[in-house]
Protein backbone atom coordinates (compact mmCIF):
# COMPACT_ATOMS: atom_id res chain seq x y z
CA UNK A 1 15.67 -99.73 70.19
CA UNK A 2 12.33 -99.14 71.84
CA UNK A 3 10.79 -95.72 71.37
CA UNK A 4 8.91 -95.89 74.66
CA UNK A 5 10.19 -93.52 77.37
CA UNK A 6 10.81 -96.33 79.88
CA UNK A 7 11.45 -99.51 77.86
CA UNK A 8 12.85 -101.36 80.89
CA UNK A 9 10.12 -100.51 83.39
CA UNK A 10 9.70 -103.35 85.90
CA UNK A 11 13.01 -104.92 84.86
CA UNK A 12 15.62 -105.80 87.49
CA UNK A 13 19.31 -105.16 86.81
CA UNK A 14 22.68 -105.48 88.53
CA UNK A 15 25.72 -103.47 87.48
CA UNK A 16 28.95 -104.41 89.24
CA UNK A 17 31.53 -101.72 89.87
CA UNK A 18 29.04 -98.90 89.34
CA UNK A 19 30.37 -96.26 91.73
CA UNK A 20 32.00 -94.49 88.80
CA UNK A 21 33.24 -94.91 85.26
CA UNK A 22 31.63 -97.16 82.66
CA UNK A 23 29.68 -99.04 85.31
CA UNK A 24 28.08 -95.85 86.56
CA UNK A 25 27.20 -94.80 83.02
CA UNK A 26 25.52 -98.14 82.37
CA UNK A 27 23.64 -98.04 85.67
CA UNK A 28 22.35 -94.52 84.96
CA UNK A 29 21.07 -95.44 81.52
CA UNK A 30 19.34 -98.57 82.83
CA UNK A 31 17.71 -96.37 85.46
CA UNK A 32 16.69 -93.77 82.88
CA UNK A 33 15.03 -96.60 80.97
CA UNK A 34 12.92 -97.36 84.05
CA UNK A 35 14.76 -100.33 85.55
CA UNK A 36 15.41 -101.12 89.18
CA UNK A 37 19.20 -101.19 89.34
CA UNK A 38 21.28 -102.78 92.09
CA UNK A 39 24.45 -100.69 92.09
CA UNK A 40 27.42 -102.56 93.52
CA UNK A 41 30.93 -101.53 94.47
CA UNK A 42 33.19 -100.93 97.43
CA UNK A 43 33.00 -97.13 97.52
CA UNK A 44 30.93 -95.81 100.40
CA UNK A 45 32.83 -92.53 100.66
CA UNK A 46 34.54 -90.55 97.86
CA UNK A 47 38.27 -91.19 97.72
CA UNK A 48 40.91 -90.03 95.28
CA UNK A 49 38.26 -90.44 92.61
CA UNK A 50 34.68 -89.21 93.06
CA UNK A 51 31.70 -91.51 93.22
CA UNK A 52 29.99 -93.96 95.56
CA UNK A 53 27.31 -96.59 95.16
CA UNK A 54 24.95 -94.32 97.09
CA UNK A 55 25.51 -91.38 94.74
CA UNK A 56 24.93 -93.53 91.66
CA UNK A 57 21.73 -94.95 93.15
CA UNK A 58 20.47 -91.46 93.99
CA UNK A 59 21.09 -90.30 90.42
CA UNK A 60 19.19 -93.33 89.10
CA UNK A 61 16.22 -92.26 91.21
CA UNK A 62 16.43 -88.75 89.75
CA UNK A 63 16.35 -90.23 86.23
CA UNK A 64 13.14 -92.12 86.90
CA UNK A 65 14.45 -95.55 87.80
CA UNK A 66 14.99 -97.15 91.19
CA UNK A 67 18.54 -97.28 92.48
CA UNK A 68 19.52 -99.79 95.14
CA UNK A 69 23.05 -99.25 96.50
CA UNK A 70 24.87 -102.37 97.66
CA UNK A 71 28.36 -102.18 99.14
CA UNK A 72 30.02 -105.32 97.79
CA UNK A 73 33.62 -106.40 97.31
CA UNK A 74 33.52 -108.63 94.24
CA UNK A 75 36.79 -110.20 95.30
CA UNK A 76 34.81 -111.81 98.13
CA UNK A 77 32.79 -114.79 96.88
CA UNK A 78 30.58 -114.85 99.95
CA UNK A 79 29.69 -111.18 99.51
CA UNK A 80 28.82 -111.80 95.87
CA UNK A 81 26.69 -114.81 96.78
CA UNK A 82 24.88 -112.73 99.41
CA UNK A 83 24.13 -110.04 96.81
CA UNK A 84 22.30 -112.46 94.54
CA UNK A 85 20.62 -114.21 97.45
CA UNK A 86 19.23 -110.82 98.44
CA UNK A 87 18.00 -110.15 94.91
CA UNK A 88 16.39 -113.58 94.83
CA UNK A 89 14.54 -112.80 98.05
CA UNK A 90 13.51 -109.27 97.07
CA UNK A 91 12.83 -109.76 93.34
CA UNK A 92 12.85 -113.52 92.54
CA UNK A 93 14.34 -112.74 89.11
CA UNK A 94 17.07 -110.83 87.33
CA UNK A 95 16.64 -109.35 83.86
CA UNK A 96 20.09 -107.83 83.32
CA UNK A 97 23.52 -108.57 84.79
CA UNK A 98 26.37 -106.31 83.73
CA UNK A 99 29.77 -107.57 84.81
CA UNK A 100 31.85 -104.41 84.76
CA UNK A 101 33.90 -104.27 87.96
CA UNK A 102 37.60 -103.70 87.25
CA UNK A 103 40.61 -102.41 89.16
CA UNK A 104 41.47 -99.52 86.83
CA UNK A 105 43.80 -97.62 89.20
CA UNK A 106 45.90 -100.75 89.72
CA UNK A 107 45.99 -101.55 86.00
CA UNK A 108 46.99 -97.98 85.11
CA UNK A 109 50.36 -98.49 86.82
CA UNK A 110 51.48 -100.91 84.12
CA UNK A 111 50.30 -99.24 80.91
CA UNK A 112 52.69 -99.71 78.03
CA UNK A 113 55.12 -101.92 79.96
CA UNK A 114 56.91 -104.92 78.48
CA UNK A 115 55.82 -108.17 80.08
CA UNK A 116 59.06 -108.48 82.04
CA UNK A 117 58.32 -105.11 83.63
CA UNK A 118 54.82 -106.14 84.73
CA UNK A 119 55.04 -108.08 88.01
CA UNK A 120 53.07 -111.27 88.61
CA UNK A 121 50.91 -109.45 91.16
CA UNK A 122 49.48 -107.40 88.25
CA UNK A 123 48.23 -110.65 86.70
CA UNK A 124 46.50 -111.56 89.95
CA UNK A 125 44.97 -108.08 90.35
CA UNK A 126 43.64 -108.08 86.80
CA UNK A 127 42.28 -111.61 86.77
CA UNK A 128 40.81 -111.56 90.27
CA UNK A 129 38.78 -108.40 89.65
CA UNK A 130 37.85 -108.41 85.99
CA UNK A 131 37.74 -112.09 85.00
CA UNK A 132 37.23 -114.33 88.02
CA UNK A 133 34.83 -111.84 89.64
CA UNK A 134 32.70 -111.88 86.47
CA UNK A 135 32.56 -115.67 86.53
CA UNK A 136 31.54 -115.72 90.20
CA UNK A 137 28.78 -113.16 89.66
CA UNK A 138 27.49 -115.07 86.65
CA UNK A 139 27.39 -118.35 88.59
CA UNK A 140 25.30 -116.88 91.40
CA UNK A 141 23.12 -114.83 89.06
CA UNK A 142 22.36 -117.66 86.63
CA UNK A 143 19.26 -119.12 88.38
CA UNK A 144 17.69 -115.65 88.52
CA UNK A 145 18.60 -114.86 84.91
CA UNK A 146 17.12 -118.18 83.78
CA UNK A 147 13.82 -117.31 85.45
CA UNK A 148 13.65 -114.02 83.57
CA UNK A 149 15.18 -115.05 80.25
CA UNK A 150 17.60 -112.25 80.90
CA UNK A 151 20.70 -110.59 79.49
CA UNK A 152 24.27 -111.09 80.71
CA UNK A 153 26.80 -108.49 79.57
CA UNK A 154 30.55 -108.69 80.12
CA UNK A 155 32.29 -105.35 79.65
CA UNK A 156 35.38 -106.22 77.62
CA UNK A 157 37.68 -104.43 75.20
CA UNK A 158 39.24 -104.54 71.71
CA UNK A 159 42.33 -105.59 73.67
CA UNK A 160 40.93 -109.09 73.30
CA UNK A 161 41.98 -109.04 69.64
CA UNK A 162 44.80 -106.50 69.32
CA UNK A 163 47.70 -105.29 71.41
CA UNK A 164 46.59 -102.81 74.09
CA UNK A 165 48.23 -101.61 77.29
CA UNK A 166 50.26 -104.75 78.12
CA UNK A 167 50.27 -108.53 77.86
CA UNK A 168 48.28 -109.10 81.06
CA UNK A 169 45.49 -106.79 79.91
CA UNK A 170 45.21 -108.50 76.52
CA UNK A 171 45.16 -112.01 77.96
CA UNK A 172 42.50 -111.01 80.52
CA UNK A 173 40.19 -109.49 77.91
CA UNK A 174 40.69 -112.47 75.61
CA UNK A 175 39.78 -114.76 78.50
CA UNK A 176 36.68 -112.69 79.23
CA UNK A 177 35.43 -112.93 75.64
CA UNK A 178 36.15 -116.66 75.62
CA UNK A 179 34.06 -116.91 78.79
CA UNK A 180 31.22 -115.03 77.09
CA UNK A 181 31.31 -117.48 74.19
CA UNK A 182 31.25 -120.47 76.54
CA UNK A 183 28.43 -118.95 78.60
CA UNK A 184 26.44 -118.57 75.39
CA UNK A 185 27.09 -122.18 74.44
CA UNK A 186 25.82 -123.37 77.82
CA UNK A 187 22.80 -121.04 77.54
CA UNK A 188 21.96 -121.95 73.95
CA UNK A 189 18.79 -123.84 74.86
CA UNK A 190 17.55 -121.11 77.22
CA UNK A 191 16.18 -117.59 76.79
CA UNK A 192 19.26 -115.99 78.40
CA UNK A 193 21.62 -114.05 76.12
CA UNK A 194 25.31 -113.60 77.00
CA UNK A 195 27.38 -111.00 75.12
CA UNK A 196 30.51 -108.91 75.52
CA UNK A 197 30.61 -105.22 74.69
CA UNK A 198 33.64 -103.19 73.69
CA UNK A 199 33.57 -99.51 74.61
CA UNK A 200 36.15 -97.28 72.94
CA UNK A 201 38.15 -94.63 74.77
CA UNK A 202 35.88 -93.53 77.61
CA UNK A 203 36.17 -90.24 79.47
CA UNK A 204 35.96 -91.72 82.95
CA UNK A 205 36.68 -89.84 86.16
CA UNK A 206 40.25 -91.18 86.00
CA UNK A 207 40.83 -89.64 82.57
CA UNK A 208 39.11 -86.44 83.61
CA UNK A 209 42.16 -85.84 85.80
CA UNK A 210 44.26 -85.30 82.67
CA UNK A 211 45.02 -81.54 82.50
CA UNK A 212 44.60 -79.39 79.40
CA UNK A 213 47.70 -78.63 77.33
CA UNK A 214 48.87 -75.23 76.08
CA UNK A 215 46.25 -75.26 73.33
CA UNK A 216 43.42 -76.03 75.73
CA UNK A 217 43.07 -79.63 74.58
CA UNK A 218 43.04 -82.52 76.98
CA UNK A 219 45.17 -85.23 75.42
CA UNK A 220 45.98 -88.58 76.93
CA UNK A 221 49.04 -90.46 75.71
CA UNK A 222 49.05 -94.23 76.05
CA UNK A 223 52.58 -95.63 75.76
CA UNK A 224 53.01 -97.53 72.53
CA UNK A 225 49.49 -96.70 71.35
CA UNK A 226 49.46 -92.99 70.60
CA UNK A 227 47.82 -89.82 71.83
CA UNK A 228 44.07 -89.32 72.04
CA UNK A 229 41.97 -86.16 72.33
CA UNK A 230 39.61 -86.64 75.25
CA UNK A 231 37.11 -84.30 73.61
CA UNK A 232 36.57 -87.12 71.10
CA UNK A 233 36.13 -89.80 73.76
CA UNK A 234 32.88 -91.53 74.65
CA UNK A 235 31.02 -90.70 77.82
CA UNK A 236 30.35 -93.61 80.18
CA UNK A 237 26.66 -93.39 79.29
CA UNK A 238 27.30 -94.40 75.67
CA UNK A 239 27.96 -97.98 76.79
CA UNK A 240 24.87 -97.72 78.97
CA UNK A 241 22.73 -96.95 75.95
CA UNK A 242 24.13 -100.05 74.26
CA UNK A 243 23.09 -102.20 77.21
CA UNK A 244 19.59 -100.67 77.24
CA UNK A 245 19.24 -101.34 73.51
CA UNK A 246 20.26 -104.97 73.96
CA UNK A 247 17.96 -105.43 76.96
CA UNK A 248 15.00 -103.99 75.04
CA UNK A 249 15.67 -106.11 71.93
CA UNK A 250 13.45 -109.18 71.80
CA UNK A 251 15.70 -110.55 69.05
CA UNK A 252 18.99 -110.17 70.91
CA UNK A 253 19.62 -113.92 71.08
CA UNK A 254 21.20 -113.77 67.63
CA UNK A 255 24.03 -111.75 69.17
CA UNK A 256 24.84 -114.37 71.81
CA UNK A 257 28.42 -115.36 72.45
CA UNK A 258 30.01 -112.52 70.53
CA UNK A 259 31.71 -109.25 71.35
CA UNK A 260 30.12 -106.07 70.03
CA UNK A 261 31.67 -102.62 69.68
CA UNK A 262 29.47 -100.03 71.36
CA UNK A 263 29.78 -97.75 68.32
CA UNK A 264 28.59 -100.56 66.02
CA UNK A 265 25.59 -101.19 68.26
CA UNK A 266 24.83 -97.46 68.16
CA UNK A 267 24.66 -97.53 64.38
CA UNK A 268 22.53 -100.68 64.33
CA UNK A 269 20.09 -99.67 67.07
CA UNK A 270 20.03 -95.95 66.29
CA UNK A 271 21.26 -94.40 69.53
CA UNK A 272 23.97 -91.81 70.14
CA UNK A 273 26.11 -90.59 72.98
CA UNK A 274 24.65 -87.84 75.15
CA UNK A 275 26.07 -85.16 72.83
CA UNK A 276 24.41 -86.64 69.73
CA UNK A 277 27.61 -88.20 68.33
CA UNK A 278 28.57 -91.79 67.61
CA UNK A 279 32.21 -91.65 68.78
CA UNK A 280 34.74 -93.84 66.99
CA UNK A 281 37.75 -94.04 69.29
CA UNK A 282 38.46 -97.76 69.14
């Protein structure tokens, strides 16, 4: 990982679904590394969960980058196309695309359910925003990424390889990693690198709503998977540091087409979470 204070100065990035959660953490770290970051999402006003594209962009500016808020529904192909048309006009290139947008509140309703208790609409919600939306963004971003020899990151999960949450979640993450592999095959003769990353348990705004127990610990229980101490969880910025490390790595092409645990990347590139740890919650 580059030791310079702003290793991504003059780089252009897009992070989808960056109002809050992992997307916000990634956007902030790209900004702290000096990038211009287009922050996309639907949130213009705080709702049940805090965070808007405007707030994320403002925090990027405070960290030394340039934040550009863009209200965009990634379930709308025309809106996604317009986003990348705008970037083409304003920047004529794209160095980093992070496909992160995901409907976490909707998915949370079905945690730990048997497949017969997960309605077909949950499949559509998960695949529309979280698989199809990533494909659409990649299609429209590709000409700009090819100009820059850029980096395409799909935010995935260990659920691609082991049972997590429910059948729909696992199939969606498996599909996403398969898409990463096929993107990399198509990009093999170019300078663009496509990878998936796997964060562990991340203390997002949604999980921050979990109250402390009688001992003062904040523990989240995932049906069928166990209980997890949120004090041991990653912050959203840990994944962001992984993306910065990949973007700054001139030799990243060797990682193309594969899924990488954020904690493994931390050990290889030498970064930590904001508290100095390398969390292992996966």
